């Protein structure tokens, strides 16, 4: 499984790439500030200690990703642009676009790094 950022409908999104039935599936995720408290929509059945342990184990196994470092660059730039236009100040410069990454090369490097760390 791989965590990535993608551009979709002129918006930067957080996503997960994973293999499924011989193809690579892309699933978009929400940014931290887009997730709301469930309120009374939470599950009616209590979460068992075993389920919590498995969730903590899964999170501890996700190495190399610091979720605090993942941020919505496009959203922040858009907020700055709107704020500058509201007060009538100079519009900040747009960030320079980054080159596309070869996903297969990145995947191969990730797999090799995971194999080295297990040896």
Protein backbone atom coordinates (compact mmCIF):
# COMPACT_ATOMS: atom_id res chain seq x y z
CA UNK A 1 0.00 0.00 0.00
CA UNK A 2 1.30 3.46 -0.80
CA UNK A 3 0.26 6.92 0.35
CA UNK A 4 0.37 9.70 -2.25
CA UNK A 5 -0.95 13.10 -3.29
CA UNK A 6 -2.83 13.43 -6.57
CA UNK A 7 -4.39 16.29 -8.54
CA UNK A 8 -8.06 15.62 -9.24
CA UNK A 9 -10.50 18.21 -10.59
CA UNK A 10 -7.94 20.97 -10.09
CA UNK A 11 -7.59 20.03 -6.42
CA UNK A 12 -4.82 18.27 -4.55
CA UNK A 13 -6.06 15.16 -2.75
CA UNK A 14 -4.54 12.62 -0.42
CA UNK A 15 -4.86 9.03 -1.71
CA UNK A 16 -3.88 5.42 -1.14
CA UNK A 17 -2.62 3.08 -3.89
CA UNK A 18 -3.06 -0.64 -3.32
CA UNK A 19 -3.16 -3.81 -5.38
CA UNK A 20 -6.50 -5.57 -5.77
CA UNK A 21 -7.33 -8.46 -8.09
CA UNK A 22 -4.35 -7.80 -10.38
CA UNK A 23 -4.82 -4.03 -10.74
CA UNK A 24 -3.70 -0.99 -8.76
CA UNK A 25 -6.62 0.72 -7.03
CA UNK A 26 -6.55 4.42 -6.10
CA UNK A 27 -8.72 5.48 -3.16
CA UNK A 28 -8.95 9.16 -2.27
CA UNK A 29 -8.83 10.19 1.37
CA UNK A 30 -9.90 13.28 3.28
CA UNK A 31 -7.50 15.82 4.72
CA UNK A 32 -7.38 16.02 8.50
CA UNK A 33 -9.36 19.27 8.59
CA UNK A 34 -12.13 17.74 6.43
CA UNK A 35 -12.96 14.98 8.92
CA UNK A 36 -15.69 15.86 11.40
CA UNK A 37 -16.68 14.21 14.66
CA UNK A 38 -19.34 11.59 13.98
CA UNK A 39 -21.62 12.84 16.75
CA UNK A 40 -24.40 10.30 17.23
CA UNK A 41 -23.55 8.56 13.94
CA UNK A 42 -20.91 6.39 15.62
CA UNK A 43 -21.35 2.63 15.80
CA UNK A 44 -23.90 1.39 18.30
CA UNK A 45 -21.79 -1.69 19.07
CA UNK A 46 -18.81 -1.06 21.36
CA UNK A 47 -15.31 -1.47 19.95
CA UNK A 48 -13.53 -4.46 21.48
CA UNK A 49 -10.05 -4.33 22.98
CA UNK A 50 -8.87 -6.71 20.23
CA UNK A 51 -10.09 -4.32 17.52
CA UNK A 52 -8.27 -1.42 19.18
CA UNK A 53 -5.08 -3.48 19.45
CA UNK A 54 -5.26 -4.42 15.76
CA UNK A 55 -5.82 -0.78 14.77
CA UNK A 56 -2.83 0.35 16.87
CA UNK A 57 -0.70 -2.44 15.34
CA UNK A 58 -1.67 -1.38 11.83
CA UNK A 59 -0.78 2.26 12.54
CA UNK A 60 2.54 1.30 14.12
CA UNK A 61 3.43 -0.76 11.00
CA UNK A 62 2.93 2.22 8.68
CA UNK A 63 6.52 3.38 8.53
CA UNK A 64 7.97 6.28 6.63
CA UNK A 65 4.81 8.41 6.65
CA UNK A 66 4.36 11.32 9.02
CA UNK A 67 0.71 12.35 8.73
CA UNK A 68 1.53 15.72 10.34
CA UNK A 69 3.71 16.49 7.31
CA UNK A 70 0.90 15.79 4.84
CA UNK A 71 -0.86 19.05 4.14
CA UNK A 72 -3.23 20.47 1.57
CA UNK A 73 -0.84 22.85 -0.23
CA UNK A 74 -3.48 23.80 -2.81
CA UNK A 75 -6.06 24.58 -0.13
CA UNK A 76 -3.63 26.79 1.81
CA UNK A 77 -2.60 28.65 -1.36
CA UNK A 78 -6.26 29.20 -2.24
CA UNK A 79 -7.00 30.57 1.24
CA UNK A 80 -4.05 32.99 0.92
CA UNK A 81 -5.27 34.14 -2.48
CA UNK A 82 -8.81 34.79 -1.22
CA UNK A 83 -7.52 36.63 1.87
CA UNK A 84 -5.25 38.82 -0.28
CA UNK A 85 -8.08 39.70 -2.65
CA UNK A 86 -10.43 40.55 0.24
CA UNK A 87 -8.04 43.07 1.78
CA UNK A 88 -6.88 44.31 -1.63
CA UNK A 89 -3.22 43.48 -1.08
CA UNK A 90 -0.79 42.00 -3.60
CA UNK A 91 -1.61 38.44 -4.63
CA UNK A 92 1.04 35.96 -3.42
CA UNK A 93 3.05 34.11 -6.04
CA UNK A 94 1.85 30.66 -7.00
CA UNK A 95 4.07 27.77 -5.95
CA UNK A 96 6.05 26.22 -8.78
CA UNK A 97 4.56 22.93 -9.96
CA UNK A 98 6.51 19.78 -9.23
CA UNK A 99 7.36 17.25 -11.91
CA UNK A 100 5.34 14.05 -12.09
CA UNK A 101 6.85 11.06 -10.30
CA UNK A 102 7.39 7.66 -11.91
CA UNK A 103 5.09 5.54 -9.75
CA UNK A 104 6.67 2.23 -10.72
CA UNK A 105 10.15 3.44 -9.81
CA UNK A 106 8.89 4.79 -6.48
CA UNK A 107 7.05 1.53 -5.78
CA UNK A 108 10.17 -0.52 -6.52
CA UNK A 109 12.27 1.68 -4.22
CA UNK A 110 9.66 1.37 -1.47
CA UNK A 111 9.54 -2.42 -1.75
CA UNK A 112 13.35 -2.66 -1.71
CA UNK A 113 13.54 -0.42 1.36
CA UNK A 114 10.93 -2.52 3.15
CA UNK A 115 12.85 -5.71 2.33
CA UNK A 116 16.12 -4.20 3.60
CA UNK A 117 14.51 -3.12 6.87
CA UNK A 118 13.21 -6.65 7.52
CA UNK A 119 16.62 -8.32 7.02
